Amino acid sequence: MMRLVDLAGYATPIMVLLMTREMILRVSDMLGHVAGVILSIAVCFLPSLSPHLMLLPMSAVRLWNTLTGFSGFESSQNVNTSSDSGG
């Protein structure tokens, strides 16, 4: 019988392999980090816990930007081009 720890252990590398720029895969990326956190806590493997805890909010912000269509890079480009053309 498969335990939760085993399921998280199998899900973690699969979810990390599926990371791309598509929204559905961003969600799977977040689920992969959650699975990594669960696995790290369950087996007390703390060196693996910190990267997943750092990448989880980053993935959430990137998912939010994908959902809202806002990109900070595009807005900074618009500011630079408008200031360059004025002077």
PDB file of N, CA and C in Angstrom:
ATOM      1  N   MET A   1       0.835  -1.177   0.000  1.00  0.00           N
ATOM      2  CA  MET A   1       0.000   0.000   0.000  1.00  0.00           C
ATOM      3  C   MET A   1       0.886   1.249   0.000  1.00  0.00           C
ATOM      4  N   MET A   2       0.528   2.206  -0.846  1.00  0.00           N
ATOM      5  CA  MET A   2       1.329   3.407  -0.986  1.00  0.00           C
ATOM      6  C   MET A   2       0.963   4.406   0.108  1.00  0.00           C
ATOM      7  N   ARG A   3       1.978   4.898   0.789  1.00  0.00           N
ATOM      8  CA  ARG A   3       1.764   5.902   1.826  1.00  0.00           C
ATOM      9  C   ARG A   3       1.874   7.296   1.230  1.00  0.00           C
ATOM     10  N   LEU A   4       1.477   8.290   2.015  1.00  0.00           N
ATOM     11  CA  LEU A   4       1.544   9.678   1.565  1.00  0.00           C
ATOM     12  C   LEU A   4       2.979  10.098   1.269  1.00  0.00           C
ATOM     13  N   VAL A   5       3.905   9.595   2.060  1.00  0.00           N
ATOM     14  CA  VAL A   5       5.316   9.917   1.848  1.00  0.00           C
ATOM     15  C   VAL A   5       5.781   9.375   0.500  1.00  0.00           C
ATOM     16  N   ASP A   6       5.384   8.156   0.170  1.00  0.00           N
ATOM     17  CA  ASP A   6       5.763   7.581  -1.123  1.00  0.00           C
ATOM     18  C   ASP A   6       5.162   8.373  -2.277  1.00  0.00           C
ATOM     19  N   LEU A   7       3.898   8.757  -2.138  1.00  0.00           N
ATOM     20  CA  LEU A   7       3.233   9.528  -3.184  1.00  0.00           C
ATOM     21  C   LEU A   7       3.917  10.877  -3.385  1.00  0.00           C
ATOM     22  N   ALA A   8       4.263  11.545  -2.295  1.00  0.00           N
ATOM     23  CA  ALA A   8       4.970  12.832  -2.402  1.00  0.00           C
ATOM     24  C   ALA A   8       6.352  12.633  -3.020  1.00  0.00           C
ATOM     25  N   GLY A   9       7.007  11.520  -2.689  1.00  0.00           N
ATOM     26  CA  GLY A   9       8.322  11.240  -3.255  1.00  0.00           C
ATOM     27  C   GLY A   9       8.285  11.009  -4.751  1.00  0.00           C
ATOM     28  N   TYR A  10       7.224  10.357  -5.237  1.00  0.00           N
ATOM     29  CA  TYR A  10       7.082  10.150  -6.680  1.00  0.00           C
ATOM     30  C   TYR A  10       6.614  11.418  -7.384  1.00  0.00           C
ATOM     31  N   ALA A  11       5.770  12.208  -6.728  1.00  0.00           N
ATOM     32  CA  ALA A  11       5.199  13.389  -7.364  1.00  0.00           C
ATOM     33  C   ALA A  11       6.214  14.516  -7.509  1.00  0.00           C
ATOM     34  N   THR A  12       7.151  14.616  -6.580  1.00  0.00           N
ATOM     35  CA  THR A  12       8.091  15.740  -6.600  1.00  0.00           C
ATOM     36  C   THR A  12       8.905  15.814  -7.888  1.00  0.00           C
ATOM     37  N   PRO A  13       9.627  14.769  -8.293  1.00  0.00           N
ATOM     38  CA  PRO A  13      10.407  14.918  -9.535  1.00  0.00           C
ATOM     39  C   PRO A  13       9.541  15.031 -10.777  1.00  0.00           C
ATOM     40  N   ILE A  14       8.383  14.404 -10.772  1.00  0.00           N
ATOM     41  CA  ILE A  14       7.497  14.499 -11.932  1.00  0.00           C
ATOM     42  C   ILE A  14       7.014  15.929 -12.111  1.00  0.00           C
ATOM     43  N   MET A  15       6.616  16.565 -11.025  1.00  0.00           N
ATOM     44  CA  MET A  15       6.128  17.937 -11.120  1.00  0.00           C
ATOM     45  C   MET A  15       7.238  18.905 -11.510  1.00  0.00           C
ATOM     46  N   VAL A  16       8.441  18.682 -11.024  1.00  0.00           N
ATOM     47  CA  VAL A  16       9.555  19.567 -11.378  1.00  0.00           C
ATOM     48  C   VAL A  16       9.890  19.435 -12.861  1.00  0.00           C
ATOM     49  N   LEU A  17       9.764  18.233 -13.419  1.00  0.00           N
ATOM     50  CA  LEU A  17      10.039  18.026 -14.836  1.00  0.00           C
ATOM     51  C   LEU A  17       9.018  18.712 -15.735  1.00  0.00           C
ATOM     52  N   LEU A  18       7.832  18.989 -15.228  1.00  0.00           N
ATOM     53  CA  LEU A  18       6.771  19.570 -16.043  1.00  0.00           C
ATOM     54  C   LEU A  18       6.741  21.096 -16.028  1.00  0.00           C
ATOM     55  N   MET A  19       7.772  21.746 -15.480  1.00  0.00           N
ATOM     56  CA  MET A  19       7.762  23.201 -15.383  1.00  0.00           C
ATOM     57  C   MET A  19       7.969  23.842 -16.761  1.00  0.00           C
ATOM     58  N   THR A  20       6.984  24.623 -17.190  1.00  0.00           N
ATOM     59  CA  THR A  20       7.098  25.449 -18.400  1.00  0.00           C
ATOM     60  C   THR A  20       6.364  26.754 -18.152  1.00  0.00           C
ATOM     61  N   ARG A  21       6.169  27.524 -19.183  1.00  0.00           N
ATOM     62  CA  ARG A  21       5.522  28.821 -19.029  1.00  0.00           C
ATOM     63  C   ARG A  21       3.999  28.739 -19.113  1.00  0.00           C
ATOM     64  N   GLU A  22       3.436  27.609 -19.368  1.00  0.00           N
ATOM     65  CA  GLU A  22       1.985  27.489 -19.451  1.00  0.00           C
ATOM     66  C   GLU A  22       1.360  27.537 -18.067  1.00  0.00           C
ATOM     67  N   MET A  23       0.167  28.101 -17.979  1.00  0.00           N
ATOM     68  CA  MET A  23      -0.488  28.284 -16.690  1.00  0.00           C
ATOM     69  C   MET A  23      -0.756  26.963 -15.985  1.00  0.00           C
ATOM     70  N   ILE A  24      -1.237  25.972 -16.687  1.00  0.00           N
ATOM     71  CA  ILE A  24      -1.562  24.703 -16.046  1.00  0.00           C
ATOM     72  C   ILE A  24      -0.303  24.043 -15.495  1.00  0.00           C
ATOM     73  N   LEU A  25       0.811  24.234 -16.165  1.00  0.00           N
ATOM     74  CA  LEU A  25       2.051  23.666 -15.680  1.00  0.00           C
ATOM     75  C   LEU A  25       2.646  24.493 -14.546  1.00  0.00           C
ATOM     76  N   ARG A  26       2.291  25.773 -14.465  1.00  0.00           N
ATOM     77  CA  ARG A  26       2.693  26.559 -13.297  1.00  0.00           C
ATOM     78  C   ARG A  26       1.987  26.036 -12.046  1.00  0.00           C
ATOM     79  N   VAL A  27       0.737  25.649 -12.210  1.00  0.00           N
ATOM     80  CA  VAL A  27       0.004  25.070 -11.085  1.00  0.00           C
ATOM     81  C   VAL A  27       0.645  23.749 -10.683  1.00  0.00           C
ATOM     82  N   SER A  28       1.003  22.926 -11.655  1.00  0.00           N
ATOM     83  CA  SER A  28       1.655  21.660 -11.331  1.00  0.00           C
ATOM     84  C   SER A  28       3.031  21.899 -10.708  1.00  0.00           C
ATOM     85  N   ASP A  29       3.698  22.982 -11.088  1.00  0.00           N
ATOM     86  CA  ASP A  29       4.971  23.353 -10.468  1.00  0.00           C
ATOM     87  C   ASP A  29       4.766  23.664  -8.989  1.00  0.00           C
ATOM     88  N   MET A  30       3.713  24.421  -8.686  1.00  0.00           N
ATOM     89  CA  MET A  30       3.424  24.724  -7.286  1.00  0.00           C
ATOM     90  C   MET A  30       3.088  23.453  -6.511  1.00  0.00           C
ATOM     91  N   LEU A  31       2.330  22.568  -7.130  1.00  0.00           N
ATOM     92  CA  LEU A  31       2.011  21.296  -6.469  1.00  0.00           C
ATOM     93  C   LEU A  31       3.274  20.467  -6.250  1.00  0.00           C
ATOM     94  N   GLY A  32       4.208  20.561  -7.178  1.00  0.00           N
ATOM     95  CA  GLY A  32       5.474  19.858  -7.013  1.00  0.00           C
ATOM     96  C   GLY A  32       6.274  20.383  -5.834  1.00  0.00           C
ATOM     97  N   HIS A  33       6.249  21.701  -5.646  1.00  0.00           N
ATOM     98  CA  HIS A  33       6.947  22.277  -4.500  1.00  0.00           C
ATOM     99  C   HIS A  33       6.245  21.901  -3.193  1.00  0.00           C
ATOM    100  N   VAL A  34       4.908  21.853  -3.220  1.00  0.00           N
ATOM    101  CA  VAL A  34       4.174  21.424  -2.029  1.00  0.00           C
ATOM    102  C   VAL A  34       4.523  19.971  -1.712  1.00  0.00           C
ATOM    103  N   ALA A  35       4.593  19.131  -2.742  1.00  0.00           N
ATOM    104  CA  ALA A  35       4.974  17.731  -2.526  1.00  0.00           C
ATOM    105  C   ALA A  35       6.398  17.634  -1.985  1.00  0.00           C
ATOM    106  N   GLY A  36       7.283  18.489  -2.473  1.00  0.00           N
ATOM    107  CA  GLY A  36       8.654  18.502  -1.962  1.00  0.00           C
ATOM    108  C   GLY A  36       8.719  18.917  -0.507  1.00  0.00           C
ATOM    109  N   VAL A  37       7.887  19.888  -0.117  1.00  0.00           N
ATOM    110  CA  VAL A  37       7.838  20.313   1.282  1.00  0.00           C
ATOM    111  C   VAL A  37       7.323  19.174   2.159  1.00  0.00           C
ATOM    112  N   ILE A  38       6.251  18.512   1.712  1.00  0.00           N
ATOM    113  CA  ILE A  38       5.690  17.395   2.480  1.00  0.00           C
ATOM    114  C   ILE A  38       6.719  16.285   2.635  1.00  0.00           C
ATOM    115  N   LEU A  39       7.387  15.945   1.553  1.00  0.00           N
ATOM    116  CA  LEU A  39       8.390  14.881   1.609  1.00  0.00           C
ATOM    117  C   LEU A  39       9.553  15.268   2.515  1.00  0.00           C
ATOM    118  N   SER A  40      10.015  16.499   2.407  1.00  0.00           N
ATOM    119  CA  SER A  40      11.148  16.945   3.225  1.00  0.00           C
ATOM    120  C   SER A  40      10.814  16.927   4.708  1.00  0.00           C
ATOM    121  N   ILE A  41       9.603  17.338   5.045  1.00  0.00           N
ATOM    122  CA  ILE A  41       9.191  17.323   6.445  1.00  0.00           C
ATOM    123  C   ILE A  41       8.999  15.890   6.930  1.00  0.00           C
ATOM    124  N   ALA A  42       8.399  15.047   6.085  1.00  0.00           N
ATOM    125  CA  ALA A  42       8.095  13.672   6.500  1.00  0.00           C
ATOM    126  C   ALA A  42       9.353  12.854   6.766  1.00  0.00           C
ATOM    127  N   VAL A  43      10.390  13.058   5.968  1.00  0.00           N
ATOM    128  CA  VAL A  43      11.610  12.273   6.148  1.00  0.00           C
ATOM    129  C   VAL A  43      12.709  13.073   6.848  1.00  0.00           C
ATOM    130  N   CYS A  44      12.346  14.274   7.351  1.00  0.00           N
ATOM    131  CA  CYS A  44      13.276  15.147   8.080  1.00  0.00           C
ATOM    132  C   CYS A  44      14.538  15.440   7.271  1.00  0.00           C
ATOM    133  N   PHE A  45      14.360  15.753   6.004  1.00  0.00           N
ATOM    134  CA  PHE A  45      15.473  16.097   5.130  1.00  0.00           C
ATOM    135  C   PHE A  45      15.454  17.610   4.915  1.00  0.00           C
ATOM    136  N   LEU A  46      15.994  18.336   5.875  1.00  0.00           N
ATOM    137  CA  LEU A  46      15.883  19.786   5.893  1.00  0.00           C
ATOM    138  C   LEU A  46      16.637  20.510   4.775  1.00  0.00           C
ATOM    139  N   PRO A  47      17.766  20.007   4.257  1.00  0.00           N
ATOM    140  CA  PRO A  47      18.404  20.725   3.143  1.00  0.00           C
ATOM    141  C   PRO A  47      17.519  20.809   1.893  1.00  0.00           C
ATOM    142  N   SER A  48      16.624  19.879   1.728  1.00  0.00           N
ATOM    143  CA  SER A  48      15.718  19.925   0.588  1.00  0.00           C
ATOM    144  C   SER A  48      14.498  20.800   0.867  1.00  0.00           C
ATOM    145  N   LEU A  49      14.227  21.081   2.111  1.00  0.00           N
ATOM    146  CA  LEU A  49      13.047  21.861   2.475  1.00  0.00           C
ATOM    147  C   LEU A  49      13.194  23.326   2.098  1.00  0.00           C
ATOM    148  N   SER A  50      14.339  23.907   2.354  1.00  0.00           N
ATOM    149  CA  SER A  50      14.498  25.345   2.129  1.00  0.00           C
ATOM    150  C   SER A  50      14.347  25.767   0.663  1.00  0.00           C
ATOM    151  N   PRO A  51      14.893  25.051  -0.316  1.00  0.00           N
ATOM    152  CA  PRO A  51      14.658  25.493  -1.698  1.00  0.00           C
ATOM    153  C   PRO A  51      13.187  25.438  -2.103  1.00  0.00           C
ATOM    154  N   HIS A  52      12.483  24.401  -1.638  1.00  0.00           N
ATOM    155  CA  HIS A  52      11.059  24.305  -1.977  1.00  0.00           C
ATOM    156  C   HIS A  52      10.268  25.419  -1.308  1.00  0.00           C
ATOM    157  N   LEU A  53      10.632  25.775  -0.083  1.00  0.00           N
ATOM    158  CA  LEU A  53       9.934  26.865   0.599  1.00  0.00           C
ATOM    159  C   LEU A  53      10.241  28.219  -0.040  1.00  0.00           C
ATOM    160  N   MET A  54      11.421  28.375  -0.627  1.00  0.00           N
ATOM    161  CA  MET A  54      11.748  29.625  -1.304  1.00  0.00           C
ATOM    162  C   MET A  54      11.091  29.700  -2.685  1.00  0.00           C
ATOM    163  N   LEU A  55      11.037  28.586  -3.377  1.00  0.00           N
ATOM    164  CA  LEU A  55      10.495  28.587  -4.734  1.00  0.00           C
ATOM    165  C   LEU A  55       8.967  28.609  -4.775  1.00  0.00           C
ATOM    166  N   LEU A  56       8.310  28.171  -3.712  1.00  0.00           N
ATOM    167  CA  LEU A  56       6.849  28.134  -3.691  1.00  0.00           C
ATOM    168  C   LEU A  56       6.238  29.527  -3.817  1.00  0.00           C
ATOM    169  N   PRO A  57       6.650  30.538  -3.033  1.00  0.00           N
ATOM    170  CA  PRO A  57       6.069  31.867  -3.244  1.00  0.00           C
ATOM    171  C   PRO A  57       6.458  32.486  -4.589  1.00  0.00           C
ATOM    172  N   MET A  58       7.655  32.168  -5.074  1.00  0.00           N
ATOM    173  CA  MET A  58       8.044  32.676  -6.398  1.00  0.00           C
ATOM    174  C   MET A  58       7.127  32.108  -7.476  1.00  0.00           C
ATOM    175  N   SER A  59       6.819  30.845  -7.361  1.00  0.00           N
ATOM    176  CA  SER A  59       5.909  30.219  -8.323  1.00  0.00           C
ATOM    177  C   SER A  59       4.512  30.807  -8.210  1.00  0.00           C
ATOM    178  N   ALA A  60       4.089  31.120  -6.994  1.00  0.00           N
ATOM    179  CA  ALA A  60       2.766  31.724  -6.804  1.00  0.00           C
ATOM    180  C   ALA A  60       2.700  33.103  -7.458  1.00  0.00           C
ATOM    181  N   VAL A  61       3.764  33.889  -7.328  1.00  0.00           N
ATOM    182  CA  VAL A  61       3.793  35.219  -7.951  1.00  0.00           C
ATOM    183  C   VAL A  61       3.788  35.090  -9.470  1.00  0.00           C
ATOM    184  N   ARG A  62       4.551  34.150  -9.993  1.00  0.00           N
ATOM    185  CA  ARG A  62       4.591  33.966 -11.447  1.00  0.00           C
ATOM    186  C   ARG A  62       3.241  33.478 -11.971  1.00  0.00           C
ATOM    187  N   LEU A  63       2.557  32.619 -11.202  1.00  0.00           N
ATOM    188  CA  LEU A  63       1.219  32.185 -11.591  1.00  0.00           C
ATOM    189  C   LEU A  63       0.255  33.356 -11.565  1.00  0.00           C
ATOM    190  N   TRP A  64       0.353  34.201 -10.537  1.00  0.00           N
ATOM    191  CA  TRP A  64      -0.503  35.375 -10.456  1.00  0.00           C
ATOM    192  C   TRP A  64      -0.268  36.300 -11.650  1.00  0.00           C
ATOM    193  N   ASN A  65       0.984  36.509 -12.023  1.00  0.00           N
ATOM    194  CA  ASN A  65       1.290  37.340 -13.191  1.00  0.00           C
ATOM    195  C   ASN A  65       0.738  36.730 -14.463  1.00  0.00           C
ATOM    196  N   THR A  66       0.768  35.408 -14.568  1.00  0.00           N
ATOM    197  CA  THR A  66       0.207  34.748 -15.739  1.00  0.00           C
ATOM    198  C   THR A  66      -1.302  34.920 -15.782  1.00  0.00           C
ATOM    199  N   LEU A  67      -1.953  34.793 -14.634  1.00  0.00           N
ATOM    200  CA  LEU A  67      -3.409  34.921 -14.588  1.00  0.00           C
ATOM    201  C   LEU A  67      -3.868  36.348 -14.871  1.00  0.00           C
ATOM    202  N   THR A  68      -3.153  37.333 -14.364  1.00  0.00           N
ATOM    203  CA  THR A  68      -3.576  38.722 -14.550  1.00  0.00           C
ATOM    204  C   THR A  68      -3.032  39.328 -15.832  1.00  0.00           C
ATOM    205  N   GLY A  69      -2.042  38.702 -16.437  1.00  0.00           N
ATOM    206  CA  GLY A  69      -1.465  39.242 -17.664  1.00  0.00           C
ATOM    207  C   GLY A  69      -0.498  40.378 -17.424  1.00  0.00           C
ATOM    208  N   PHE A  70      -0.126  40.624 -16.176  1.00  0.00           N
ATOM    209  CA  PHE A  70       0.797  41.709 -15.834  1.00  0.00           C
ATOM    210  C   PHE A  70       2.210  41.182 -15.801  1.00  0.00           C
ATOM    211  N   SER A  71       3.104  41.934 -16.412  1.00  0.00           N
ATOM    212  CA  SER A  71       4.519  41.587 -16.351  1.00  0.00           C
ATOM    213  C   SER A  71       5.300  42.839 -15.997  1.00  0.00           C
ATOM    214  N   GLY A  72       6.067  42.776 -14.924  1.00  0.00           N
ATOM    215  CA  GLY A  72       6.865  43.916 -14.505  1.00  0.00           C
ATOM    216  C   GLY A  72       7.912  44.288 -15.531  1.00  0.00           C
ATOM    217  N   PHE A  73       8.395  43.310 -16.306  1.00  0.00           N
ATOM    218  CA  PHE A  73       9.411  43.574 -17.328  1.00  0.00           C
ATOM    219  C   PHE A  73       8.829  44.462 -18.424  1.00  0.00           C
ATOM    220  N   GLU A  74       7.596  44.190 -18.859  1.00  0.00           N
ATOM    221  CA  GLU A  74       6.985  44.996 -19.912  1.00  0.00           C
ATOM    222  C   GLU A  74       6.731  46.421 -19.452  1.00  0.00           C
ATOM    223  N   SER A  75       6.277  46.602 -18.199  1.00  0.00           N
ATOM    224  CA  SER A  75       6.011  47.954 -17.714  1.00  0.00           C
ATOM    225  C   SER A  75       7.304  48.746 -17.559  1.00  0.00           C
ATOM    226  N   SER A  76       8.401  48.083 -17.171  1.00  0.00           N
ATOM    227  CA  SER A  76       9.666  48.801 -17.054  1.00  0.00           C
ATOM    228  C   SER A  76      10.197  49.181 -18.434  1.00  0.00           C
ATOM    229  N   GLN A  77       9.920  48.382 -19.443  1.00  0.00           N
ATOM    230  CA  GLN A  77      10.322  48.746 -20.801  1.00  0.00           C
ATOM    231  C   GLN A  77       9.545  49.964 -21.295  1.00  0.00           C
ATOM    232  N   ASN A  78       8.249  50.022 -20.969  1.00  0.00           N
ATOM    233  CA  ASN A  78       7.444  51.161 -21.388  1.00  0.00           C
ATOM    234  C   ASN A  78       7.921  52.447 -20.725  1.00  0.00           C
ATOM    235  N   VAL A  79       8.328  52.390 -19.477  1.00  0.00           N
ATOM    236  CA  VAL A  79       8.852  53.570 -18.787  1.00  0.00           C
ATOM    237  C   VAL A  79      10.145  54.021 -19.430  1.00  0.00           C
ATOM    238  N   ASN A  80      11.021  53.094 -19.762  1.00  0.00           N
ATOM    239  CA  ASN A  80      12.308  53.439 -20.382  1.00  0.00           C
ATOM    240  C   ASN A  80      12.113  54.052 -21.757  1.00  0.00           C
ATOM    241  N   THR A  81      11.204  53.525 -22.560  1.00  0.00           N
ATOM    242  CA  THR A  81      11.008  54.054 -23.906  1.00  0.00           C
ATOM    243  C   THR A  81      10.340  55.411 -23.862  1.00  0.00           C
ATOM    244  N   SER A  82       9.427  55.635 -22.909  1.00  0.00           N
ATOM    245  CA  SER A  82       8.775  56.945 -22.853  1.00  0.00           C
ATOM    246  C   SER A  82       9.743  58.008 -22.350  1.00  0.00           C
ATOM    247  N   SER A  83      10.668  57.667 -21.449  1.00  0.00           N
ATOM    248  CA  SER A  83      11.624  58.659 -20.967  1.00  0.00           C
ATOM    249  C   SER A  83      12.696  58.938 -22.014  1.00  0.00           C
ATOM    250  N   ASP A  84      13.036  57.935 -22.839  1.00  0.00           N
ATOM    251  CA  ASP A  84      14.044  58.136 -23.883  1.00  0.00           C
ATOM    252  C   ASP A  84      13.496  59.029 -24.992  1.00  0.00           C
ATOM    253  N   SER A  85      12.218  58.912 -25.335  1.00  0.00           N
ATOM    254  CA  SER A  85      11.669  59.672 -26.437  1.00  0.00           C
ATOM    255  C   SER A  85      11.397  61.125 -26.051  1.00  0.00           C
ATOM    256  N   GLY A  86      11.314  61.406 -24.753  1.00  0.00           N
ATOM    257  CA  GLY A  86      11.026  62.772 -24.307  1.00  0.00           C
ATOM    258  C   GLY A  86      12.226  63.687 -24.316  1.00  0.00           C
ATOM    259  N   GLY A  87      13.422  63.175 -24.391  1.00  0.00           N
ATOM    260  CA  GLY A  87      14.540  64.083 -24.211  1.00  0.00           C
ATOM    261  C   GLY A  87      15.579  63.901 -25.207  1.00  0.00           C
TER     262      GLY A  87
END
